[in-house]
Amino acid sequence: MNQEVFADAINAIHITGNLVRIDLMTLQPHLKSDNGQPVYDSSRRIIMPLDGFIQSFGIQENFVKQLIEAGVLQKTDEVATESTKQEK
C-alpha cells in the first residue's frame, strides 16, 4: 500500500449499472458557512464494482460487531433513537 486517503465521512453513494461511486468528504476548518457552520468538501471518490461494495460492507459490518463485543462501541436501538428525535 503506497497511498493513503483521509476522509471525515461519506457524502453520498451512487449506483450506476454495476459500479458504485462513494463520494468522500473532508472538513475545511478554515471555511465557515454563512451561518457559521463548518464547511465540508467532497474531496475524493471511490469507484468499485457492486460485488466489491457488498463484500466490503460485510467486512465493515463484522468489524463493527467486533468493536461492540470489545466494548469500544455501544449498540443503540435505532428505532428508539429515531422515535425520540421525532418527538422533539
PDB file of N, CA and C in Angstrom:
ATOM      1  N   MET A   1       0.851  -1.166   0.000  1.00  0.00           N
ATOM      2  CA  MET A   1       0.000   0.000   0.000  1.00  0.00           C
ATOM      3  C   MET A   1       0.900   1.232   0.000  1.00  0.00           C
ATOM      4  N   ASN A   2       0.722   2.099  -0.958  1.00  0.00           N
ATOM      5  CA  ASN A   2       1.613   3.241  -1.053  1.00  0.00           C
ATOM      6  C   ASN A   2       0.904   4.591  -1.002  1.00  0.00           C
ATOM      7  N   GLN A   3      -0.427   4.603  -0.858  1.00  0.00           N
ATOM      8  CA  GLN A   3      -1.116   5.882  -0.801  1.00  0.00           C
ATOM      9  C   GLN A   3      -2.277   5.791   0.193  1.00  0.00           C
ATOM     10  N   GLU A   4      -2.400   6.798   1.033  1.00  0.00           N
ATOM     11  CA  GLU A   4      -3.497   6.858   1.980  1.00  0.00           C
ATOM     12  C   GLU A   4      -4.416   8.007   1.618  1.00  0.00           C
ATOM     13  N   VAL A   5      -5.694   7.814   1.852  1.00  0.00           N
ATOM     14  CA  VAL A   5      -6.692   8.847   1.611  1.00  0.00           C
ATOM     15  C   VAL A   5      -7.440   9.052   2.916  1.00  0.00           C
ATOM     16  N   PHE A   6      -7.550  10.302   3.350  1.00  0.00           N
ATOM     17  CA  PHE A   6      -8.301  10.612   4.566  1.00  0.00           C
ATOM     18  C   PHE A   6      -9.634  11.227   4.192  1.00  0.00           C
ATOM     19  N   ALA A   7     -10.681  10.860   4.923  1.00  0.00           N
ATOM     20  CA  ALA A   7     -11.997  11.478   4.768  1.00  0.00           C
ATOM     21  C   ALA A   7     -12.657  11.537   6.133  1.00  0.00           C
ATOM     22  N   ASP A   8     -13.410  12.612   6.383  1.00  0.00           N
ATOM     23  CA  ASP A   8     -14.164  12.713   7.630  1.00  0.00           C
ATOM     24  C   ASP A   8     -15.425  11.880   7.585  1.00  0.00           C
ATOM     25  N   ALA A   9     -15.977  11.679   6.393  1.00  0.00           N
ATOM     26  CA  ALA A   9     -17.225  10.928   6.269  1.00  0.00           C
ATOM     27  C   ALA A   9     -17.515  10.640   4.804  1.00  0.00           C
ATOM     28  N   ILE A  10     -18.574   9.874   4.588  1.00  0.00           N
ATOM     29  CA  ILE A  10     -19.088   9.631   3.241  1.00  0.00           C
ATOM     30  C   ILE A  10     -20.183  10.653   2.980  1.00  0.00           C
ATOM     31  N   ASN A  11     -20.087  11.330   1.860  1.00  0.00           N
ATOM     32  CA  ASN A  11     -21.055  12.354   1.480  1.00  0.00           C
ATOM     33  C   ASN A  11     -22.247  11.760   0.737  1.00  0.00           C
ATOM     34  N   ALA A  12     -21.971  10.826  -0.168  1.00  0.00           N
ATOM     35  CA  ALA A  12     -23.037  10.238  -0.975  1.00  0.00           C
ATOM     36  C   ALA A  12     -22.556   8.929  -1.582  1.00  0.00           C
ATOM     37  N   ILE A  13     -23.530   8.084  -1.911  1.00  0.00           N
ATOM     38  CA  ILE A  13     -23.241   6.835  -2.616  1.00  0.00           C
ATOM     39  C   ILE A  13     -24.188   6.766  -3.805  1.00  0.00           C
ATOM     40  N   HIS A  14     -23.628   6.528  -4.985  1.00  0.00           N
ATOM     41  CA  HIS A  14     -24.410   6.444  -6.216  1.00  0.00           C
ATOM     42  C   HIS A  14     -24.135   5.103  -6.880  1.00  0.00           C
ATOM     43  N   ILE A  15     -25.177   4.491  -7.421  1.00  0.00           N
ATOM     44  CA  ILE A  15     -25.010   3.246  -8.172  1.00  0.00           C
ATOM     45  C   ILE A  15     -25.398   3.515  -9.616  1.00  0.00           C
ATOM     46  N   THR A  16     -24.496   3.183 -10.516  1.00  0.00           N
ATOM     47  CA  THR A  16     -24.740   3.306 -11.946  1.00  0.00           C
ATOM     48  C   THR A  16     -24.370   1.976 -12.588  1.00  0.00           C
ATOM     49  N   GLY A  17     -25.376   1.247 -13.006  1.00  0.00           N
ATOM     50  CA  GLY A  17     -25.110  -0.074 -13.575  1.00  0.00           C
ATOM     51  C   GLY A  17     -24.494  -0.969 -12.519  1.00  0.00           C
ATOM     52  N   ASN A  18     -23.311  -1.491 -12.806  1.00  0.00           N
ATOM     53  CA  ASN A  18     -22.617  -2.394 -11.900  1.00  0.00           C
ATOM     54  C   ASN A  18     -21.541  -1.679 -11.075  1.00  0.00           C
ATOM     55  N   LEU A  19     -21.512  -0.338 -11.139  1.00  0.00           N
ATOM     56  CA  LEU A  19     -20.491   0.409 -10.416  1.00  0.00           C
ATOM     57  C   LEU A  19     -21.096   1.218  -9.283  1.00  0.00           C
ATOM     58  N   VAL A  20     -20.390   1.249  -8.161  1.00  0.00           N
ATOM     59  CA  VAL A  20     -20.797   2.044  -7.007  1.00  0.00           C
ATOM     60  C   VAL A  20     -19.777   3.162  -6.850  1.00  0.00           C
ATOM     61  N   ARG A  21     -20.276   4.390  -6.775  1.00  0.00           N
ATOM     62  CA  ARG A  21     -19.425   5.554  -6.566  1.00  0.00           C
ATOM     63  C   ARG A  21     -19.673   6.079  -5.159  1.00  0.00           C
ATOM     64  N   ILE A  22     -18.599   6.153  -4.376  1.00  0.00           N
ATOM     65  CA  ILE A  22     -18.679   6.612  -2.994  1.00  0.00           C
ATOM     66  C   ILE A  22     -17.938   7.938  -2.907  1.00  0.00           C
ATOM     67  N   ASP A  23     -18.682   9.011  -2.647  1.00  0.00           N
ATOM     68  CA  ASP A  23     -18.077  10.338  -2.521  1.00  0.00           C
ATOM     69  C   ASP A  23     -17.673  10.570  -1.074  1.00  0.00           C
ATOM     70  N   LEU A  24     -16.395  10.887  -0.875  1.00  0.00           N
ATOM     71  CA  LEU A  24     -15.861  11.149   0.453  1.00  0.00           C
ATOM     72  C   LEU A  24     -15.813  12.646   0.698  1.00  0.00           C
ATOM     73  N   MET A  25     -15.989  13.052   1.955  1.00  0.00           N
ATOM     74  CA  MET A  25     -15.916  14.481   2.250  1.00  0.00           C
ATOM     75  C   MET A  25     -14.960  14.739   3.403  1.00  0.00           C
ATOM     76  N   THR A  26     -14.372  15.929   3.372  1.00  0.00           N
ATOM     77  CA  THR A  26     -13.456  16.351   4.421  1.00  0.00           C
ATOM     78  C   THR A  26     -13.864  17.724   4.929  1.00  0.00           C
ATOM     79  N   LEU A  27     -13.651  17.932   6.205  1.00  0.00           N
ATOM     80  CA  LEU A  27     -13.932  19.207   6.843  1.00  0.00           C
ATOM     81  C   LEU A  27     -12.895  20.229   6.396  1.00  0.00           C
ATOM     82  N   GLN A  28     -13.346  21.409   6.069  1.00  0.00           N
ATOM     83  CA  GLN A  28     -12.455  22.507   5.702  1.00  0.00           C
ATOM     84  C   GLN A  28     -12.448  23.494   6.873  1.00  0.00           C
ATOM     85  N   PRO A  29     -11.567  23.304   7.861  1.00  0.00           N
ATOM     86  CA  PRO A  29     -11.631  24.079   9.099  1.00  0.00           C
ATOM     87  C   PRO A  29     -11.448  25.583   8.913  1.00  0.00           C
ATOM     88  N   HIS A  30     -10.806  25.974   7.851  1.00  0.00           N
ATOM     89  CA  HIS A  30     -10.580  27.401   7.617  1.00  0.00           C
ATOM     90  C   HIS A  30     -11.789  28.082   6.967  1.00  0.00           C
ATOM     91  N   LEU A  31     -12.810  27.309   6.574  1.00  0.00           N
ATOM     92  CA  LEU A  31     -14.002  27.867   5.939  1.00  0.00           C
ATOM     93  C   LEU A  31     -15.207  27.711   6.846  1.00  0.00           C
ATOM     94  N   LYS A  32     -16.095  28.704   6.829  1.00  0.00           N
ATOM     95  CA  LYS A  32     -17.359  28.651   7.571  1.00  0.00           C
ATOM     96  C   LYS A  32     -18.480  29.053   6.619  1.00  0.00           C
ATOM     97  N   SER A  33     -19.653  28.437   6.819  1.00  0.00           N
ATOM     98  CA  SER A  33     -20.814  28.811   6.011  1.00  0.00           C
ATOM     99  C   SER A  33     -21.343  30.157   6.498  1.00  0.00           C
ATOM    100  N   ASP A  34     -22.360  30.672   5.823  1.00  0.00           N
ATOM    101  CA  ASP A  34     -22.941  31.960   6.191  1.00  0.00           C
ATOM    102  C   ASP A  34     -23.477  31.982   7.619  1.00  0.00           C
ATOM    103  N   ASN A  35     -23.918  30.814   8.110  1.00  0.00           N
ATOM    104  CA  ASN A  35     -24.437  30.767   9.475  1.00  0.00           C
ATOM    105  C   ASN A  35     -23.390  30.261  10.476  1.00  0.00           C
ATOM    106  N   GLY A  36     -22.126  30.232  10.069  1.00  0.00           N
ATOM    107  CA  GLY A  36     -21.038  29.889  10.975  1.00  0.00           C
ATOM    108  C   GLY A  36     -20.751  28.409  11.128  1.00  0.00           C
ATOM    109  N   GLN A  37     -21.444  27.572  10.366  1.00  0.00           N
ATOM    110  CA  GLN A  37     -21.234  26.125  10.455  1.00  0.00           C
ATOM    111  C   GLN A  37     -19.988  25.728   9.662  1.00  0.00           C
ATOM    112  N   PRO A  38     -19.348  24.625  10.072  1.00  0.00           N
ATOM    113  CA  PRO A  38     -18.179  24.148   9.310  1.00  0.00           C
ATOM    114  C   PRO A  38     -18.580  23.777   7.885  1.00  0.00           C
ATOM    115  N   VAL A  39     -17.644  23.917   6.983  1.00  0.00           N
ATOM    116  CA  VAL A  39     -17.873  23.596   5.576  1.00  0.00           C
ATOM    117  C   VAL A  39     -17.164  22.281   5.248  1.00  0.00           C
ATOM    118  N   TYR A  40     -17.890  21.397   4.571  1.00  0.00           N
ATOM    119  CA  TYR A  40     -17.320  20.134   4.110  1.00  0.00           C
ATOM    120  C   TYR A  40     -17.156  20.197   2.605  1.00  0.00           C
ATOM    121  N   ASP A  41     -16.136  19.521   2.116  1.00  0.00           N
ATOM    122  CA  ASP A  41     -15.848  19.498   0.690  1.00  0.00           C
ATOM    123  C   ASP A  41     -15.776  18.045   0.225  1.00  0.00           C
ATOM    124  N   SER A  42     -16.460  17.741  -0.880  1.00  0.00           N
ATOM    125  CA  SER A  42     -16.311  16.406  -1.466  1.00  0.00           C
ATOM    126  C   SER A  42     -14.922  16.342  -2.069  1.00  0.00           C
ATOM    127  N   SER A  43     -14.081  15.511  -1.475  1.00  0.00           N
ATOM    128  CA  SER A  43     -12.666  15.552  -1.821  1.00  0.00           C
ATOM    129  C   SER A  43     -12.205  14.421  -2.733  1.00  0.00           C
ATOM    130  N   ARG A  44     -12.767  13.250  -2.572  1.00  0.00           N
ATOM    131  CA  ARG A  44     -12.332  12.083  -3.344  1.00  0.00           C
ATOM    132  C   ARG A  44     -13.536  11.222  -3.660  1.00  0.00           C
ATOM    133  N   ARG A  45     -13.360  10.329  -4.612  1.00  0.00           N
ATOM    134  CA  ARG A  45     -14.407   9.375  -4.962  1.00  0.00           C
ATOM    135  C   ARG A  45     -13.776   8.003  -5.112  1.00  0.00           C
ATOM    136  N   ILE A  46     -14.434   7.027  -4.504  1.00  0.00           N
ATOM    137  CA  ILE A  46     -14.046   5.627  -4.679  1.00  0.00           C
ATOM    138  C   ILE A  46     -15.052   5.018  -5.641  1.00  0.00           C
ATOM    139  N   ILE A  47     -14.570   4.341  -6.655  1.00  0.00           N
ATOM    140  CA  ILE A  47     -15.444   3.664  -7.615  1.00  0.00           C
ATOM    141  C   ILE A  47     -15.090   2.189  -7.579  1.00  0.00           C
ATOM    142  N   MET A  48     -16.113   1.363  -7.346  1.00  0.00           N
ATOM    143  CA  MET A  48     -15.856  -0.072  -7.263  1.00  0.00           C
ATOM    144  C   MET A  48     -17.038  -0.845  -7.820  1.00  0.00           C
ATOM    145  N   PRO A  49     -16.820  -2.094  -8.239  1.00  0.00           N
ATOM    146  CA  PRO A  49     -17.938  -2.911  -8.705  1.00  0.00           C
ATOM    147  C   PRO A  49     -18.895  -3.196  -7.557  1.00  0.00           C
ATOM    148  N   LEU A  50     -20.165  -3.404  -7.885  1.00  0.00           N
ATOM    149  CA  LEU A  50     -21.193  -3.666  -6.887  1.00  0.00           C
ATOM    150  C   LEU A  50     -20.823  -4.854  -6.005  1.00  0.00           C
ATOM    151  N   ASP A  51     -20.293  -5.921  -6.583  1.00  0.00           N
ATOM    152  CA  ASP A  51     -19.880  -7.091  -5.798  1.00  0.00           C
ATOM    153  C   ASP A  51     -18.824  -6.716  -4.756  1.00  0.00           C
ATOM    154  N   GLY A  52     -17.864  -5.896  -5.143  1.00  0.00           N
ATOM    155  CA  GLY A  52     -16.821  -5.464  -4.212  1.00  0.00           C
ATOM    156  C   GLY A  52     -17.386  -4.590  -3.109  1.00  0.00           C
ATOM    157  N   PHE A  53     -18.367  -3.748  -3.440  1.00  0.00           N
ATOM    158  CA  PHE A  53     -19.021  -2.901  -2.439  1.00  0.00           C
ATOM    159  C   PHE A  53     -19.741  -3.754  -1.401  1.00  0.00           C
ATOM    160  N   ILE A  54     -20.495  -4.756  -1.874  1.00  0.00           N
ATOM    161  CA  ILE A  54     -21.222  -5.633  -0.958  1.00  0.00           C
ATOM    162  C   ILE A  54     -20.239  -6.405  -0.074  1.00  0.00           C
ATOM    163  N   GLN A  55     -19.156  -6.893  -0.642  1.00  0.00           N
ATOM    164  CA  GLN A  55     -18.153  -7.628   0.124  1.00  0.00           C
ATOM    165  C   GLN A  55     -17.502  -6.710   1.159  1.00  0.00           C
ATOM    166  N   SER A  56     -17.200  -5.465   0.783  1.00  0.00           N
ATOM    167  CA  SER A  56     -16.575  -4.543   1.728  1.00  0.00           C
ATOM    168  C   SER A  56     -17.542  -4.146   2.833  1.00  0.00           C
ATOM    169  N   PHE A  57     -18.831  -4.064   2.517  1.00  0.00           N
ATOM    170  CA  PHE A  57     -19.844  -3.775   3.538  1.00  0.00           C
ATOM    171  C   PHE A  57     -19.864  -4.889   4.583  1.00  0.00           C
ATOM    172  N   GLY A  58     -19.760  -6.128   4.141  1.00  0.00           N
ATOM    173  CA  GLY A  58     -19.722  -7.257   5.066  1.00  0.00           C
ATOM    174  C   GLY A  58     -18.522  -7.183   5.997  1.00  0.00           C
ATOM    175  N   ILE A  59     -17.378  -6.789   5.471  1.00  0.00           N
ATOM    176  CA  ILE A  59     -16.170  -6.644   6.290  1.00  0.00           C
ATOM    177  C   ILE A  59     -16.377  -5.547   7.333  1.00  0.00           C
ATOM    178  N   GLN A  60     -16.951  -4.420   6.912  1.00  0.00           N
ATOM    179  CA  GLN A  60     -17.195  -3.319   7.849  1.00  0.00           C
ATOM    180  C   GLN A  60     -18.202  -3.721   8.929  1.00  0.00           C
ATOM    181  N   GLU A  61     -19.242  -4.439   8.532  1.00  0.00           N
ATOM    182  CA  GLU A  61     -20.259  -4.892   9.475  1.00  0.00           C
ATOM    183  C   GLU A  61     -19.647  -5.814  10.541  1.00  0.00           C
ATOM    184  N   ASN A  62     -18.797  -6.736  10.096  1.00  0.00           N
ATOM    185  CA  ASN A  62     -18.121  -7.637  11.037  1.00  0.00           C
ATOM    186  C   ASN A  62     -17.193  -6.873  11.976  1.00  0.00           C
ATOM    187  N   PHE A  63     -16.532  -5.863  11.457  1.00  0.00           N
ATOM    188  CA  PHE A  63     -15.620  -5.065  12.276  1.00  0.00           C
ATOM    189  C   PHE A  63     -16.393  -4.295  13.348  1.00  0.00           C
ATOM    190  N   VAL A  64     -17.542  -3.737  12.987  1.00  0.00           N
ATOM    191  CA  VAL A  64     -18.374  -3.028  13.962  1.00  0.00           C
ATOM    192  C   VAL A  64     -18.834  -3.993  15.050  1.00  0.00           C
ATOM    193  N   LYS A  65     -19.215  -5.211  14.682  1.00  0.00           N
ATOM    194  CA  LYS A  65     -19.600  -6.216  15.683  1.00  0.00           C
ATOM    195  C   LYS A  65     -18.456  -6.494  16.646  1.00  0.00           C
ATOM    196  N   GLN A  66     -17.233  -6.581  16.122  1.00  0.00           N
ATOM    197  CA  GLN A  66     -16.064  -6.817  16.976  1.00  0.00           C
ATOM    198  C   GLN A  66     -15.843  -5.639  17.931  1.00  0.00           C
ATOM    199  N   LEU A  67     -16.039  -4.419  17.453  1.00  0.00           N
ATOM    200  CA  LEU A  67     -15.884  -3.238  18.308  1.00  0.00           C
ATOM    201  C   LEU A  67     -16.934  -3.217  19.418  1.00  0.00           C
ATOM    202  N   ILE A  68     -18.152  -3.650  19.094  1.00  0.00           N
ATOM    203  CA  ILE A  68     -19.210  -3.725  20.105  1.00  0.00           C
ATOM    204  C   ILE A  68     -18.863  -4.781  21.150  1.00  0.00           C
ATOM    205  N   GLU A  69     -18.411  -5.952  20.695  1.00  0.00           N
ATOM    206  CA  GLU A  69     -18.034  -7.025  21.617  1.00  0.00           C
ATOM    207  C   GLU A  69     -16.869  -6.629  22.515  1.00  0.00           C
ATOM    208  N   ALA A  70     -15.955  -5.811  21.986  1.00  0.00           N
ATOM    209  CA  ALA A  70     -14.797  -5.369  22.762  1.00  0.00           C
ATOM    210  C   ALA A  70     -15.140  -4.204  23.684  1.00  0.00           C
ATOM    211  N   GLY A  71     -16.350  -3.665  23.569  1.00  0.00           N
ATOM    212  CA  GLY A  71     -16.766  -2.557  24.419  1.00  0.00           C
ATOM    213  C   GLY A  71     -16.330  -1.190  23.932  1.00  0.00           C
ATOM    214  N   VAL A  72     -15.748  -1.128  22.737  1.00  0.00           N
ATOM    215  CA  VAL A  72     -15.314   0.150  22.176  1.00  0.00           C
ATOM    216  C   VAL A  72     -16.530   0.978  21.736  1.00  0.00           C
ATOM    217  N   LEU A  73     -17.530   0.311  21.187  1.00  0.00           N
ATOM    218  CA  LEU A  73     -18.782   0.941  20.775  1.00  0.00           C
ATOM    219  C   LEU A  73     -19.925   0.338  21.570  1.00  0.00           C
ATOM    220  N   GLN A  74     -20.999   1.109  21.687  1.00  0.00           N
ATOM    221  CA  GLN A  74     -22.197   0.592  22.322  1.00  0.00           C
ATOM    222  C   GLN A  74     -23.298   0.485  21.277  1.00  0.00           C
ATOM    223  N   LYS A  75     -23.988  -0.634  21.291  1.00  0.00           N
ATOM    224  CA  LYS A  75     -25.095  -0.841  20.370  1.00  0.00           C
ATOM    225  C   LYS A  75     -26.274  -0.005  20.832  1.00  0.00           C
ATOM    226  N   THR A  76     -26.904   0.698  19.890  1.00  0.00           N
ATOM    227  CA  THR A  76     -28.074   1.503  20.221  1.00  0.00           C
ATOM    228  C   THR A  76     -29.276   0.980  19.471  1.00  0.00           C
ATOM    229  N   ASP A  77     -30.439   1.246  19.993  1.00  0.00           N
ATOM    230  CA  ASP A  77     -31.681   0.872  19.340  1.00  0.00           C
ATOM    231  C   ASP A  77     -32.061   1.994  18.388  1.00  0.00           C
ATOM    232  N   GLU A  78     -31.814   1.801  17.092  1.00  0.00           N
ATOM    233  CA  GLU A  78     -32.045   2.854  16.104  1.00  0.00           C
ATOM    234  C   GLU A  78     -33.506   3.270  16.034  1.00  0.00           C
ATOM    235  N   VAL A  79     -34.419   2.340  16.208  1.00  0.00           N
ATOM    236  CA  VAL A  79     -35.843   2.665  16.149  1.00  0.00           C
ATOM    237  C   VAL A  79     -36.200   3.596  17.296  1.00  0.00           C
ATOM    238  N   ALA A  80     -35.721   3.289  18.493  1.00  0.00           N
ATOM    239  CA  ALA A  80     -35.996   4.144  19.651  1.00  0.00           C
ATOM    240  C   ALA A  80     -35.349   5.510  19.467  1.00  0.00           C
ATOM    241  N   THR A  81     -34.135   5.529  18.925  1.00  0.00           N
ATOM    242  CA  THR A  81     -33.441   6.786  18.696  1.00  0.00           C
ATOM    243  C   THR A  81     -34.208   7.647  17.703  1.00  0.00           C
ATOM    244  N   GLU A  82     -34.682   7.051  16.624  1.00  0.00           N
ATOM    245  CA  GLU A  82     -35.435   7.798  15.622  1.00  0.00           C
ATOM    246  C   GLU A  82     -36.744   8.330  16.188  1.00  0.00           C
ATOM    247  N   SER A  83     -37.457   7.515  16.989  1.00  0.00           N
ATOM    248  CA  SER A  83     -38.731   7.989  17.535  1.00  0.00           C
ATOM    249  C   SER A  83     -38.491   9.106  18.543  1.00  0.00           C
ATOM    250  N   THR A  84     -37.377   9.047  19.275  1.00  0.00           N
ATOM    251  CA  THR A  84     -37.059  10.123  20.219  1.00  0.00           C
ATOM    252  C   THR A  84     -36.797  11.419  19.471  1.00  0.00           C
ATOM    253  N   LYS A  85     -36.095  11.343  18.345  1.00  0.00           N
ATOM    254  CA  LYS A  85     -35.814  12.537  17.540  1.00  0.00           C
ATOM    255  C   LYS A  85     -37.107  13.146  17.028  1.00  0.00           C
ATOM    256  N   GLN A  86     -38.059  12.317  16.598  1.00  0.00           N
ATOM    257  CA  GLN A  86     -39.297  12.817  16.019  1.00  0.00           C
ATOM    258  C   GLN A  86     -40.175  13.477  17.071  1.00  0.00           C
ATOM    259  N   GLU A  87     -40.066  13.032  18.341  1.00  0.00           N
ATOM    260  CA  GLU A  87     -40.870  13.606  19.405  1.00  0.00           C
ATOM    261  C   GLU A  87     -40.421  15.000  19.771  1.00  0.00           C
ATOM    262  N   LYS A  88     -39.150  15.323  19.542  1.00  0.00           N
ATOM    263  CA  LYS A  88     -38.602  16.635  19.949  1.00  0.00           C
ATOM    264  C   LYS A  88     -39.040  17.739  19.029  1.00  0.00           C
TER     265      LYS A  88
END
